[in-house]
Amino acid sequence: MKILFIVTASFPTAKAYGVTTRETITAAKNLEHEVYSLSFKSNYSDSDYDEIHSSLNYLKVNKTINFLRNISFRSANYFSRAAWIIMQNFLLRFNYKEIDEIGSDLIWCRDERTASTLRKLFPKKTMVVEIHSNPKNKILNKLAKVSEENLLILAPINQNLMNRLKINFDLKKRIAAMSISANLLENKETVIKFSESIKDRRTKDEFRIGYVGKFFPGGFSKGYEDLVDLAVLYKDIGVERSISLSGGLENEVREVAKRVSPYNLSTKNFEITGHLKHSDSLAKVKSLDIVVLPEPRDPSYLGSPLKSYEACALGRILVVADCSINRNQFGDVEFIYWYQSKSVESLADVIDFALNDELLCRKLLKQIEFASRYTWEARVKNVLAATTS
């Protein structure tokens, strides 16, 4: 099958959607599909994108598109949002010929408005629409109404978003879950060795605890404050464990460093580092003993943190804030160490319990088995199966 991914944003990118898009493209190529992408040209580059370089194509632009795009970036007010919507519509129409000449069997896009414009331009084309935030049901219903049978597949990234779909038409839906590369999955021997190392280091208590990801993308915190509070608590009670925050953009690193400055935390025990390309962020996760997954501070956030599945696959201890977004991702599985969200005392207690849990090895093996269900290839297969069912 010839698949065209359309991203009406810069790609490659340091942002999270870059990893999702790149890995989905890679998986489709590994499954022997012919794959192309169309996006805004980007100045960002890292070696993780080398494998899909031949699939990258770029949308053409003009002064009007650039003007509207620049307005949309100035703020988050009504006029900026309106400029973005107008720009997006004009951009796709302006690139009709480029899209048509690729001659894809299927167009894969990441949002409802892109899909709505594309449907007007290509009424006979099969289309996949990923849904990453609260569904725009009004747009989706209009899209479903004008789409012929079997030509539209809605692909929310988790069950929570699937449940929020309110579509008045019978159409195909598939969950396109955040996923992992199968080669990340650790083997039993490595997990046993890691578990034994945890036991051996209990006396020295030199453990590495961290959060990996953006700190406050889009202006809302992903919950990094829980780790700052933990570092302060450890300082107060004389615990010498290492805590790190990794993966923030430059402005995020500066802001967090400014916020923690009054606490006079030792750089030996508390580290803040900036953006890491995806392969380096995986190496960072692997260097930790415990990965903390806090509760995002924005109640409207409905996404699925990619690092959670990756931490599972890499066999690291996963300590997770007990909240609806995380329960939606993991359910009631027994291998997760849950702590009371926003409670540093609970976080510290659960970490101590995990480090002394005699069932640790068994739980780590179960979380690897859990992660094995969520590979990028499985994601693509699940979505594309809807085209033949």
Protein backbone atom coordinates (compact mmCIF):
# COMPACT_ATOMS: atom_id res chain seq x y z
CA MET A 1 0.00 0.00 0.00
CA LYS A 2 1.17 3.53 -0.76
CA ILE A 3 0.69 5.70 2.35
CA LEU A 4 1.05 9.47 2.59
CA PHE A 5 1.49 11.08 6.02
CA ILE A 6 0.50 14.75 6.03
CA VAL A 7 1.70 16.93 8.91
CA THR A 8 0.69 20.59 8.78
CA ALA A 9 3.58 21.51 11.07
CA SER A 10 7.37 21.33 10.99
CA PHE A 11 8.80 17.84 10.65
CA PRO A 12 11.34 16.59 11.74
CA THR A 13 10.92 18.24 15.12
CA ALA A 14 12.12 18.11 18.72
CA LYS A 15 8.47 17.95 19.83
CA ALA A 16 6.77 14.74 20.88
CA TYR A 17 4.68 14.43 17.71
CA GLY A 18 7.96 14.00 15.83
CA VAL A 19 8.69 10.71 17.57
CA THR A 20 5.15 9.41 17.05
CA THR A 21 5.12 10.34 13.36
CA ARG A 22 8.64 9.12 12.68
CA GLU A 23 8.14 5.77 14.38
CA THR A 24 4.79 5.22 12.64
CA ILE A 25 6.43 5.94 9.28
CA THR A 26 9.31 3.59 10.13
CA ALA A 27 6.91 0.83 11.16
CA ALA A 28 4.91 1.21 7.95
CA LYS A 29 8.14 0.96 5.94
CA ASN A 30 9.20 -2.12 7.93
CA LEU A 31 5.87 -3.67 7.02
CA GLU A 32 6.85 -3.09 3.35
CA HIS A 33 4.45 -0.28 2.60
CA GLU A 34 5.55 2.52 0.28
CA VAL A 35 5.61 5.58 2.51
CA TYR A 36 5.81 9.34 1.92
CA SER A 37 5.40 12.34 4.19
CA LEU A 38 4.49 15.96 3.47
CA SER A 39 5.16 18.64 6.07
CA PHE A 40 6.59 22.09 6.61
CA LYS A 41 10.33 22.00 6.08
CA SER A 42 12.20 22.04 9.38
CA ASN A 43 15.60 23.27 10.51
CA TYR A 44 15.68 20.54 13.15
CA SER A 45 17.68 17.41 12.49
CA ASP A 46 19.11 14.50 14.41
CA SER A 47 20.38 11.07 13.42
CA ASP A 48 17.20 9.34 14.63
CA TYR A 49 15.52 10.61 11.45
CA ASP A 50 18.12 9.19 9.06
CA GLU A 51 16.14 6.00 8.45
CA ILE A 52 13.13 7.87 7.04
CA HIS A 53 15.02 10.59 5.19
CA SER A 54 14.05 9.19 1.79
CA SER A 55 10.34 9.43 2.73
CA LEU A 56 10.43 13.13 3.62
CA ASN A 57 8.79 15.63 1.26
CA TYR A 58 7.88 19.23 1.99
CA LEU A 59 4.82 21.36 1.49
CA LYS A 60 5.32 24.38 -0.74
CA VAL A 61 4.53 27.76 0.81
CA ASN A 62 4.02 31.35 -0.31
CA LYS A 63 3.97 34.76 1.36
CA THR A 64 0.34 34.46 2.43
CA ILE A 65 0.92 31.09 4.12
CA ASN A 66 4.02 32.37 5.90
CA PHE A 67 2.21 35.53 6.99
CA LEU A 68 -0.72 33.60 8.48
CA ARG A 69 1.61 31.08 10.09
CA ASN A 70 3.66 33.81 11.75
CA ILE A 71 0.49 35.41 13.15
CA SER A 72 -0.62 32.04 14.55
CA PHE A 73 2.65 31.70 16.48
CA ARG A 74 2.43 35.08 18.21
CA SER A 75 0.05 34.12 20.98
CA ALA A 76 -2.78 31.77 21.93
CA ASN A 77 -5.61 34.27 21.43
CA TYR A 78 -8.61 34.00 19.11
CA PHE A 79 -6.93 35.80 16.19
CA SER A 80 -3.88 33.54 16.31
CA ARG A 81 -6.04 30.41 16.36
CA ALA A 82 -8.14 31.76 13.49
CA ALA A 83 -4.97 32.53 11.51
CA TRP A 84 -3.80 28.95 12.01
CA ILE A 85 -7.11 27.47 10.80
CA ILE A 86 -7.17 29.71 7.71
CA MET A 87 -3.51 28.97 7.00
CA GLN A 88 -4.02 25.23 7.32
CA ASN A 89 -6.93 25.24 4.88
CA PHE A 90 -5.10 27.43 2.36
CA LEU A 91 -1.89 25.39 2.70
CA LEU A 92 -3.56 22.10 1.78
CA ARG A 93 -5.43 23.61 -1.16
CA PHE A 94 -2.22 25.27 -2.34
CA ASN A 95 -0.53 21.84 -2.28
CA TYR A 96 -3.31 19.94 -4.04
CA LYS A 97 -1.12 19.05 -7.02
CA GLU A 98 1.78 17.83 -4.85
CA ILE A 99 -0.54 15.62 -2.81
CA ASP A 100 -2.33 14.29 -5.88
CA GLU A 101 0.86 13.45 -7.77
CA ILE A 102 2.09 11.15 -4.98
CA GLY A 103 -0.91 8.98 -5.82
CA SER A 104 -1.28 7.41 -2.40
CA ASP A 105 -3.83 4.71 -1.59
CA LEU A 106 -4.29 6.17 1.86
CA ILE A 107 -3.71 9.54 3.56
CA TRP A 108 -2.77 9.50 7.26
CA CYS A 109 -3.12 12.74 9.22
CA ARG A 110 -3.04 13.91 12.84
CA ASP A 111 -6.03 16.18 13.32
CA GLU A 112 -9.66 16.71 12.38
CA ARG A 113 -9.32 19.99 10.50
CA THR A 114 -6.59 18.66 8.21
CA ALA A 115 -8.79 15.66 7.46
CA SER A 116 -11.84 17.84 6.80
CA THR A 117 -10.02 19.93 4.18
CA LEU A 118 -8.42 16.87 2.60
CA ARG A 119 -11.78 15.14 2.29
CA LYS A 120 -13.09 18.07 0.21
CA LEU A 121 -10.04 17.83 -2.02
CA PHE A 122 -9.92 14.02 -2.24
CA PRO A 123 -13.44 12.62 -1.75
CA LYS A 124 -12.48 9.11 -2.95
CA LYS A 125 -9.33 8.71 -0.85
CA THR A 126 -9.12 6.38 2.18
CA MET A 127 -8.13 8.44 5.20
CA VAL A 128 -6.82 7.75 8.72
CA VAL A 129 -7.35 10.48 11.30
CA GLU A 130 -5.33 10.22 14.51
CA ILE A 131 -6.95 11.92 17.51
CA HIS A 132 -4.57 13.18 20.20
CA SER A 133 -6.82 15.52 22.20
CA ASN A 134 -10.46 16.00 23.12
CA PRO A 135 -12.25 15.09 19.84
CA LYS A 136 -13.79 17.87 17.77
CA ASN A 137 -16.98 15.88 17.33
CA LYS A 138 -18.78 18.52 15.29
CA ILE A 139 -16.04 18.48 12.64
CA LEU A 140 -15.79 14.69 12.78
CA ASN A 141 -19.53 14.27 12.22
CA LYS A 142 -19.39 16.55 9.18
CA LEU A 143 -16.38 14.56 7.96
CA ALA A 144 -18.18 11.25 8.49
CA LYS A 145 -21.29 12.53 6.69
CA VAL A 146 -19.39 13.36 3.48
CA SER A 147 -17.12 10.27 3.57
CA GLU A 148 -18.11 7.24 1.58
CA GLU A 149 -18.39 3.91 3.38
CA ASN A 150 -15.02 2.41 4.42
CA LEU A 151 -13.05 5.52 3.39
CA LEU A 152 -12.63 6.99 6.89
CA ILE A 153 -10.86 5.47 9.90
CA LEU A 154 -10.76 7.35 13.20
CA ALA A 155 -7.73 6.48 15.33
CA PRO A 156 -7.76 7.96 18.86
CA ILE A 157 -4.56 7.24 20.78
CA ASN A 158 -6.24 5.78 23.86
CA GLN A 159 -9.52 4.38 25.17
CA ASN A 160 -10.32 7.59 27.02
CA LEU A 161 -10.39 9.54 23.74
CA MET A 162 -12.27 6.70 22.05
CA ASN A 163 -14.98 7.01 24.71
CA ARG A 164 -15.29 10.73 23.99
CA LEU A 165 -16.10 10.20 20.32
CA LYS A 166 -19.74 11.13 19.71
CA ILE A 167 -20.25 10.19 16.07
CA ASN A 168 -23.72 9.86 14.58
CA PHE A 169 -22.55 7.64 11.72
CA ASP A 170 -21.36 4.06 11.48
CA LEU A 171 -17.68 4.15 10.64
CA LYS A 172 -14.45 2.36 11.48
CA LYS A 173 -12.48 3.17 14.62
CA ARG A 174 -9.16 1.80 15.84
CA ILE A 175 -7.04 2.74 18.84
CA ALA A 176 -3.61 3.92 17.67
CA ALA A 177 -1.85 3.63 21.01
CA MET A 178 1.48 5.21 21.85
CA SER A 179 4.00 2.46 21.27
CA ILE A 180 7.58 1.23 21.50
CA SER A 181 10.16 -0.29 19.21
CA ALA A 182 10.27 -4.05 19.70
CA ASN A 183 14.06 -3.97 20.02
CA LEU A 184 13.71 -2.08 23.32
CA LEU A 185 12.25 -5.10 25.10
CA GLU A 186 14.72 -6.36 27.68
CA ASN A 187 15.27 -10.11 28.17
CA LYS A 188 14.81 -12.10 31.36
CA GLU A 189 18.53 -12.38 32.08
CA THR A 190 19.00 -8.59 31.99
CA VAL A 191 16.00 -8.03 34.27
CA ILE A 192 17.29 -10.54 36.82
CA LYS A 193 20.69 -8.84 36.78
CA PHE A 194 19.09 -5.40 37.27
CA SER A 195 16.92 -6.66 40.14
CA GLU A 196 19.95 -8.19 41.86
CA SER A 197 21.84 -4.90 41.47
CA ILE A 198 18.99 -3.11 43.27
CA LYS A 199 19.35 -5.52 46.20
CA ASP A 200 23.13 -5.14 46.24
CA ARG A 201 22.89 -1.33 46.38
CA ARG A 202 20.35 -1.10 49.18
CA THR A 203 23.03 -0.58 51.82
CA LYS A 204 24.71 2.33 50.01
CA ASP A 205 21.29 3.67 48.95
CA GLU A 206 22.75 5.16 45.76
CA PHE A 207 19.79 5.02 43.45
CA ARG A 208 18.98 7.08 40.37
CA ILE A 209 15.45 8.47 40.11
CA GLY A 210 14.21 10.57 37.23
CA TYR A 211 11.61 12.01 34.90
CA VAL A 212 12.26 12.09 31.14
CA GLY A 213 10.18 14.27 28.84
CA LYS A 214 9.08 17.85 28.33
CA PHE A 215 8.52 19.82 31.54
CA PHE A 216 5.60 22.07 30.60
CA PRO A 217 4.74 21.74 26.89
CA GLY A 218 2.00 24.11 25.78
CA GLY A 219 2.34 26.02 29.04
CA PHE A 220 1.06 23.35 31.44
CA SER A 221 3.23 21.26 33.73
CA LYS A 222 3.61 17.52 33.21
CA GLY A 223 4.05 17.20 36.97
CA TYR A 224 7.81 17.67 37.28
CA GLU A 225 7.16 19.48 40.61
CA ASP A 226 6.77 16.09 42.30
CA LEU A 227 10.44 15.36 41.65
CA VAL A 228 11.53 18.80 42.82
CA ASP A 229 9.60 18.22 46.06
CA LEU A 230 11.24 14.82 46.40
CA ALA A 231 14.72 16.32 45.99
CA VAL A 232 13.94 18.90 48.69
CA LEU A 233 12.60 16.18 51.00
CA TYR A 234 15.69 14.03 50.47
CA LYS A 235 17.92 17.02 51.19
CA ASP A 236 16.04 17.71 54.44
CA ILE A 237 16.31 14.12 55.70
CA GLY A 238 19.83 13.49 54.41
CA VAL A 239 19.06 10.92 51.67
CA GLU A 240 21.78 10.89 48.99
CA ARG A 241 19.79 9.54 46.04
CA SER A 242 20.24 11.18 42.64
CA ILE A 243 17.21 12.86 41.04
CA SER A 244 17.09 14.15 37.47
CA LEU A 245 14.74 16.00 35.14
CA SER A 246 15.69 15.39 31.51
CA GLY A 247 14.34 16.45 28.13
CA GLY A 248 13.10 20.00 28.62
CA LEU A 249 13.29 22.67 25.95
CA GLU A 250 15.70 25.56 26.59
CA ASN A 251 13.05 27.84 28.08
CA GLU A 252 11.75 24.99 30.26
CA VAL A 253 15.22 24.24 31.64
CA ARG A 254 15.80 27.92 32.45
CA GLU A 255 12.42 28.28 34.15
CA VAL A 256 12.78 25.13 36.26
CA ALA A 257 16.35 26.03 37.25
CA LYS A 258 15.06 29.43 38.36
CA ARG A 259 12.26 27.87 40.40
CA VAL A 260 14.52 25.39 42.24
CA SER A 261 17.33 27.88 42.88
CA PRO A 262 16.05 28.95 46.35
CA TYR A 263 16.31 25.35 47.57
CA ASN A 264 20.12 25.23 47.08
CA LEU A 265 20.00 21.66 45.84
CA SER A 266 23.36 20.02 45.19
CA THR A 267 24.12 19.36 41.52
CA LYS A 268 25.30 15.93 42.65
CA ASN A 269 21.79 15.05 43.82
CA PHE A 270 19.60 17.08 41.47
CA GLU A 271 20.22 17.50 37.74
CA ILE A 272 18.27 19.33 35.04
CA THR A 273 19.13 18.65 31.40
CA GLY A 274 17.65 19.86 28.13
CA HIS A 275 16.21 18.27 25.03
CA LEU A 276 17.50 14.83 24.10
CA LYS A 277 16.99 13.19 20.75
CA HIS A 278 14.80 10.14 21.13
CA SER A 279 17.59 7.54 21.18
CA ASP A 280 19.44 9.56 23.84
CA SER A 281 16.28 9.89 25.93
CA LEU A 282 15.94 6.10 25.85
CA ALA A 283 19.54 5.78 27.02
CA LYS A 284 18.70 8.19 29.85
CA VAL A 285 15.71 6.09 30.89
CA LYS A 286 17.91 3.01 30.88
CA SER A 287 20.48 4.73 33.10
CA LEU A 288 17.84 5.27 35.80
CA ASP A 289 16.71 2.81 38.46
CA ILE A 290 13.31 4.43 38.92
CA VAL A 291 11.24 6.38 36.39
CA VAL A 292 8.55 8.62 37.89
CA LEU A 293 5.41 9.33 35.89
CA PRO A 294 3.61 12.24 37.61
CA GLU A 295 0.10 13.54 37.01
CA PRO A 296 -0.08 16.31 34.37
CA ARG A 297 -1.29 19.51 36.00
CA ASP A 298 -3.72 20.34 33.18
CA PRO A 299 -7.02 18.48 33.78
CA SER A 300 -7.83 18.77 30.07
CA TYR A 301 -4.75 16.71 29.08
CA LEU A 302 -5.93 13.42 27.60
CA GLY A 303 -2.75 12.11 25.99
CA SER A 304 -0.66 9.00 26.65
CA PRO A 305 2.92 9.52 27.87
CA LEU A 306 5.24 7.64 25.52
CA LYS A 307 7.98 7.24 28.14
CA SER A 308 5.75 5.07 30.32
CA TYR A 309 5.67 2.22 27.79
CA GLU A 310 9.36 2.70 27.06
CA ALA A 311 10.24 2.48 30.77
CA CYS A 312 8.21 -0.73 30.95
CA ALA A 313 10.02 -2.20 27.95
CA LEU A 314 13.43 -1.28 29.35
CA GLY A 315 12.67 -2.99 32.64
CA ARG A 316 12.95 0.07 34.88
CA ILE A 317 10.94 0.50 38.08
CA LEU A 318 7.92 2.62 37.20
CA VAL A 319 6.46 4.75 40.01
CA VAL A 320 3.23 6.33 38.79
CA ALA A 321 0.88 9.01 40.13
CA ASP A 322 -2.54 7.51 40.80
CA CYS A 323 -4.87 9.58 38.60
CA SER A 324 -7.39 8.96 35.85
CA ILE A 325 -5.00 9.62 32.94
CA ASN A 326 -2.50 7.06 34.22
CA ARG A 327 -5.15 4.54 35.26
CA ASN A 328 -6.55 4.83 31.75
CA GLN A 329 -3.15 3.88 30.38
CA PHE A 330 -2.34 1.00 32.71
CA GLY A 331 -5.62 -0.11 34.26
CA ASP A 332 -5.19 -2.13 37.44
CA VAL A 333 -2.07 -4.05 36.48
CA GLU A 334 -0.15 -5.33 39.50
CA PHE A 335 3.35 -4.37 38.36
CA ILE A 336 2.90 -0.59 38.67
CA TYR A 337 3.95 1.15 41.88
CA TRP A 338 1.22 3.75 42.45
CA TYR A 339 1.70 6.84 44.61
CA GLN A 340 -0.78 9.48 45.73
CA SER A 341 -0.60 12.23 43.15
CA LYS A 342 1.08 15.49 44.30
CA SER A 343 2.05 13.92 47.65
CA VAL A 344 5.81 13.88 48.13
CA GLU A 345 5.46 11.74 51.25
CA SER A 346 3.55 9.10 49.30
CA LEU A 347 6.08 9.27 46.45
CA ALA A 348 8.98 8.74 48.87
CA ASP A 349 7.22 5.86 50.64
CA VAL A 350 6.35 4.08 47.39
CA ILE A 351 9.91 4.42 46.10
CA ASP A 352 11.20 2.84 49.33
CA PHE A 353 8.67 0.04 49.01
CA ALA A 354 9.63 -0.64 45.38
CA LEU A 355 13.35 -0.75 46.16
CA ASN A 356 12.72 -3.31 48.90
CA ASP A 357 10.02 -5.33 47.15
CA GLU A 358 10.94 -9.02 47.03
CA LEU A 359 8.61 -9.40 44.03
CA LEU A 360 10.42 -6.70 42.04
CA CYS A 361 11.92 -9.01 39.41
CA ARG A 362 8.58 -10.72 38.76
CA LYS A 363 6.85 -7.36 38.37
CA LEU A 364 9.49 -6.04 35.96
CA LEU A 365 9.09 -9.13 33.77
CA LYS A 366 5.31 -8.59 33.72
CA GLN A 367 5.67 -4.97 32.69
CA ILE A 368 7.94 -6.00 29.79
CA GLU A 369 5.30 -8.47 28.66
CA PHE A 370 2.73 -5.65 28.91
CA ALA A 371 4.89 -3.31 26.80
CA SER A 372 5.38 -6.00 24.15
CA ARG A 373 1.72 -5.58 23.15
CA TYR A 374 2.37 -1.98 22.11
CA THR A 375 4.88 -1.95 19.27
CA TRP A 376 4.78 0.57 16.44
CA GLU A 377 4.32 -2.27 13.94
CA ALA A 378 1.32 -3.52 15.91
CA ARG A 379 -0.06 0.03 15.92
CA VAL A 380 0.15 0.33 12.13
CA LYS A 381 -1.23 -3.18 11.57
CA ASN A 382 -4.19 -2.49 13.85
CA VAL A 383 -5.12 0.72 12.07
CA LEU A 384 -4.62 -0.59 8.55
CA ALA A 385 -6.60 -3.75 9.32
CA ALA A 386 -9.66 -1.50 9.24
CA THR A 387 -9.12 -0.93 5.51
CA THR A 388 -9.81 -4.60 4.74
CA SER A 389 -12.33 -5.54 7.45
